Amino acid sequence: KDSDLAFVRWAICAILTWKNTTVPENIFHIHGTKDNILPIRFTKPDVSIPNEGHFMVYTKGYQVSEIIRKKLDSL
């Protein structure tokens, strides 16, 4: 709601037209199921956090940290 409209339009266009063909190795993707900025239906996350949005790192920081800690412990 508080984002600059010109920036949001630029960012959405950049995401939608990105032509990346190389997926980096060792990516671990955590995504909120209620992300309205980057909807989960366009992603393939390794872990999804139910009912969380784009700022889940802030709203569910402890839970995100635990997921990352478990992943690192498994390496």
N, C-alpha and C. Protein backbone atom coordinates (compact mmCIF):
# COMPACT_ATOMS: atom_id res chain seq x y z
N LYS A 1 0.81 -1.20 0.00
CA LYS A 1 0.00 0.00 0.00
C LYS A 1 0.85 1.26 0.00
N ASP A 2 2.00 1.19 0.67
CA ASP A 2 2.84 2.37 0.81
C ASP A 2 3.92 2.47 -0.26
N SER A 3 3.97 1.50 -1.18
CA SER A 3 5.02 1.51 -2.20
C SER A 3 4.73 2.54 -3.28
N ASP A 4 5.80 3.07 -3.84
CA ASP A 4 5.70 4.01 -4.94
C ASP A 4 5.14 3.28 -6.17
N LEU A 5 4.08 3.80 -6.75
CA LEU A 5 3.40 3.12 -7.86
C LEU A 5 4.32 2.91 -9.06
N ALA A 6 5.16 3.89 -9.36
CA ALA A 6 6.09 3.74 -10.49
C ALA A 6 7.05 2.58 -10.24
N PHE A 7 7.54 2.45 -9.01
CA PHE A 7 8.44 1.35 -8.67
C PHE A 7 7.73 0.00 -8.79
N VAL A 8 6.52 -0.08 -8.26
CA VAL A 8 5.77 -1.34 -8.31
C VAL A 8 5.55 -1.76 -9.76
N ARG A 9 5.17 -0.83 -10.61
CA ARG A 9 4.97 -1.16 -12.03
C ARG A 9 6.27 -1.64 -12.67
N TRP A 10 7.37 -0.95 -12.38
CA TRP A 10 8.67 -1.35 -12.93
C TRP A 10 9.03 -2.76 -12.44
N ALA A 11 8.86 -3.02 -11.15
CA ALA A 11 9.24 -4.30 -10.57
C ALA A 11 8.41 -5.45 -11.16
N ILE A 12 7.12 -5.23 -11.29
CA ILE A 12 6.26 -6.27 -11.86
C ILE A 12 6.66 -6.56 -13.30
N CYS A 13 6.92 -5.51 -14.06
CA CYS A 13 7.35 -5.70 -15.45
C CYS A 13 8.68 -6.45 -15.51
N ALA A 14 9.61 -6.09 -14.63
CA ALA A 14 10.92 -6.75 -14.61
C ALA A 14 10.78 -8.23 -14.29
N ILE A 15 9.92 -8.56 -13.35
CA ILE A 15 9.71 -9.96 -12.98
C ILE A 15 9.06 -10.74 -14.12
N LEU A 16 8.02 -10.16 -14.70
CA LEU A 16 7.27 -10.86 -15.74
C LEU A 16 8.05 -11.04 -17.04
N THR A 17 9.04 -10.18 -17.29
CA THR A 17 9.79 -10.27 -18.54
C THR A 17 11.20 -10.83 -18.35
N TRP A 18 11.51 -11.29 -17.13
CA TRP A 18 12.84 -11.83 -16.85
C TRP A 18 13.04 -13.10 -17.65
N LYS A 19 14.14 -13.20 -18.36
CA LYS A 19 14.43 -14.33 -19.25
C LYS A 19 15.57 -15.19 -18.71
N ASN A 20 15.63 -15.39 -17.42
CA ASN A 20 16.68 -16.21 -16.85
C ASN A 20 16.53 -17.66 -17.32
N THR A 21 17.59 -18.24 -17.80
CA THR A 21 17.56 -19.63 -18.25
C THR A 21 18.41 -20.54 -17.35
N THR A 22 19.16 -19.96 -16.45
CA THR A 22 20.02 -20.72 -15.57
C THR A 22 19.49 -20.65 -14.14
N VAL A 23 19.15 -21.79 -13.60
CA VAL A 23 18.71 -21.84 -12.20
C VAL A 23 19.92 -22.14 -11.35
N PRO A 24 20.27 -21.23 -10.44
CA PRO A 24 21.44 -21.48 -9.59
C PRO A 24 21.26 -22.74 -8.75
N GLU A 25 22.36 -23.41 -8.48
CA GLU A 25 22.32 -24.59 -7.63
C GLU A 25 22.15 -24.16 -6.18
N ASN A 26 21.72 -25.09 -5.36
CA ASN A 26 21.61 -24.88 -3.92
C ASN A 26 20.64 -23.77 -3.52
N ILE A 27 19.58 -23.61 -4.29
CA ILE A 27 18.55 -22.65 -3.93
C ILE A 27 17.52 -23.35 -3.05
N PHE A 28 17.14 -22.72 -1.97
CA PHE A 28 16.11 -23.22 -1.08
C PHE A 28 15.07 -22.13 -0.94
N HIS A 29 13.90 -22.35 -1.49
CA HIS A 29 12.88 -21.33 -1.63
C HIS A 29 11.79 -21.50 -0.57
N ILE A 30 11.60 -20.46 0.24
CA ILE A 30 10.54 -20.42 1.24
C ILE A 30 9.56 -19.35 0.78
N HIS A 31 8.26 -19.68 0.76
CA HIS A 31 7.28 -18.75 0.21
C HIS A 31 6.00 -18.78 1.03
N GLY A 32 5.40 -17.63 1.24
CA GLY A 32 4.12 -17.54 1.94
C GLY A 32 2.95 -17.84 1.00
N THR A 33 1.97 -18.58 1.48
CA THR A 33 0.84 -18.95 0.63
C THR A 33 -0.09 -17.78 0.32
N LYS A 34 0.01 -16.71 1.08
CA LYS A 34 -0.86 -15.54 0.87
C LYS A 34 -0.06 -14.34 0.35
N ASP A 35 1.05 -14.59 -0.33
CA ASP A 35 1.85 -13.51 -0.89
C ASP A 35 1.10 -12.89 -2.06
N ASN A 36 0.65 -11.66 -1.90
CA ASN A 36 -0.09 -10.97 -2.96
C ASN A 36 0.83 -10.25 -3.94
N ILE A 37 2.09 -10.05 -3.57
CA ILE A 37 3.04 -9.37 -4.45
C ILE A 37 3.61 -10.37 -5.46
N LEU A 38 4.05 -11.52 -4.98
CA LEU A 38 4.53 -12.61 -5.84
C LEU A 38 3.72 -13.85 -5.49
N PRO A 39 2.54 -14.02 -6.10
CA PRO A 39 1.65 -15.12 -5.73
C PRO A 39 2.30 -16.50 -5.86
N ILE A 40 2.01 -17.34 -4.90
CA ILE A 40 2.62 -18.67 -4.84
C ILE A 40 2.29 -19.51 -6.07
N ARG A 41 1.18 -19.24 -6.73
CA ARG A 41 0.80 -20.06 -7.91
C ARG A 41 1.82 -19.94 -9.04
N PHE A 42 2.68 -18.92 -9.00
CA PHE A 42 3.70 -18.75 -10.02
C PHE A 42 5.06 -19.27 -9.57
N THR A 43 5.11 -19.95 -8.43
CA THR A 43 6.38 -20.40 -7.87
C THR A 43 6.36 -21.90 -7.62
N LYS A 44 7.52 -22.42 -7.27
CA LYS A 44 7.67 -23.82 -6.88
C LYS A 44 8.56 -23.86 -5.64
N PRO A 45 8.03 -23.39 -4.51
CA PRO A 45 8.87 -23.32 -3.30
C PRO A 45 9.18 -24.69 -2.71
N ASP A 46 10.29 -24.76 -2.01
CA ASP A 46 10.64 -25.97 -1.26
C ASP A 46 9.76 -26.08 -0.01
N VAL A 47 9.47 -24.94 0.59
CA VAL A 47 8.64 -24.88 1.78
C VAL A 47 7.68 -23.71 1.63
N SER A 48 6.43 -23.92 1.98
CA SER A 48 5.47 -22.82 2.00
C SER A 48 4.99 -22.62 3.43
N ILE A 49 4.77 -21.36 3.77
CA ILE A 49 4.27 -21.02 5.10
C ILE A 49 2.81 -20.60 4.94
N PRO A 50 1.90 -21.38 5.50
CA PRO A 50 0.47 -21.10 5.33
C PRO A 50 0.06 -19.73 5.85
N ASN A 51 -0.80 -19.09 5.10
CA ASN A 51 -1.43 -17.82 5.49
C ASN A 51 -0.45 -16.68 5.72
N GLU A 52 0.73 -16.75 5.13
CA GLU A 52 1.71 -15.66 5.28
C GLU A 52 1.93 -14.98 3.94
N GLY A 53 2.25 -13.70 4.00
CA GLY A 53 2.42 -12.90 2.81
C GLY A 53 3.87 -12.59 2.50
N HIS A 54 4.06 -11.53 1.74
CA HIS A 54 5.37 -11.16 1.22
C HIS A 54 6.36 -10.77 2.33
N PHE A 55 5.85 -10.31 3.46
CA PHE A 55 6.73 -9.86 4.54
C PHE A 55 6.82 -10.87 5.67
N MET A 56 6.72 -12.16 5.33
CA MET A 56 6.74 -13.21 6.34
C MET A 56 8.06 -13.26 7.10
N VAL A 57 9.13 -12.79 6.49
CA VAL A 57 10.42 -12.76 7.21
C VAL A 57 10.30 -11.85 8.42
N TYR A 58 9.47 -10.85 8.33
CA TYR A 58 9.23 -9.93 9.44
C TYR A 58 8.13 -10.47 10.36
N THR A 59 7.01 -10.93 9.78
CA THR A 59 5.88 -11.35 10.60
C THR A 59 6.07 -12.73 11.22
N LYS A 60 6.85 -13.58 10.59
CA LYS A 60 7.11 -14.93 11.08
C LYS A 60 8.61 -15.22 11.08
N GLY A 61 9.38 -14.24 11.50
CA GLY A 61 10.84 -14.36 11.48
C GLY A 61 11.37 -15.59 12.19
N TYR A 62 10.80 -15.89 13.35
CA TYR A 62 11.27 -17.06 14.10
C TYR A 62 11.02 -18.34 13.31
N GLN A 63 9.84 -18.46 12.72
CA GLN A 63 9.50 -19.67 11.94
C GLN A 63 10.40 -19.79 10.71
N VAL A 64 10.64 -18.70 10.02
CA VAL A 64 11.53 -18.71 8.85
C VAL A 64 12.94 -19.10 9.28
N SER A 65 13.40 -18.54 10.39
CA SER A 65 14.74 -18.88 10.90
C SER A 65 14.86 -20.36 11.24
N GLU A 66 13.82 -20.93 11.82
CA GLU A 66 13.83 -22.36 12.14
C GLU A 66 13.90 -23.22 10.89
N ILE A 67 13.18 -22.83 9.86
CA ILE A 67 13.22 -23.57 8.59
C ILE A 67 14.62 -23.52 8.01
N ILE A 68 15.23 -22.36 8.02
CA ILE A 68 16.59 -22.20 7.50
C ILE A 68 17.59 -22.99 8.35
N ARG A 69 17.43 -22.92 9.67
CA ARG A 69 18.35 -23.64 10.56
C ARG A 69 18.27 -25.14 10.30
N LYS A 70 17.06 -25.69 10.15
CA LYS A 70 16.91 -27.12 9.86
C LYS A 70 17.52 -27.50 8.53
N LYS A 71 17.35 -26.64 7.55
CA LYS A 71 17.94 -26.91 6.24
C LYS A 71 19.46 -26.93 6.33
N LEU A 72 20.04 -25.96 7.01
CA LEU A 72 21.50 -25.90 7.15
C LEU A 72 22.02 -27.10 7.95
N ASP A 73 21.29 -27.53 8.95
CA ASP A 73 21.70 -28.69 9.74
C ASP A 73 21.68 -29.96 8.91
N SER A 74 20.86 -30.00 7.87
CA SER A 74 20.75 -31.21 7.05
C SER A 74 21.81 -31.29 5.97
N LEU A 75 22.57 -30.23 5.78
CA LEU A 75 23.61 -30.23 4.73
C LEU A 75 24.85 -30.98 5.15
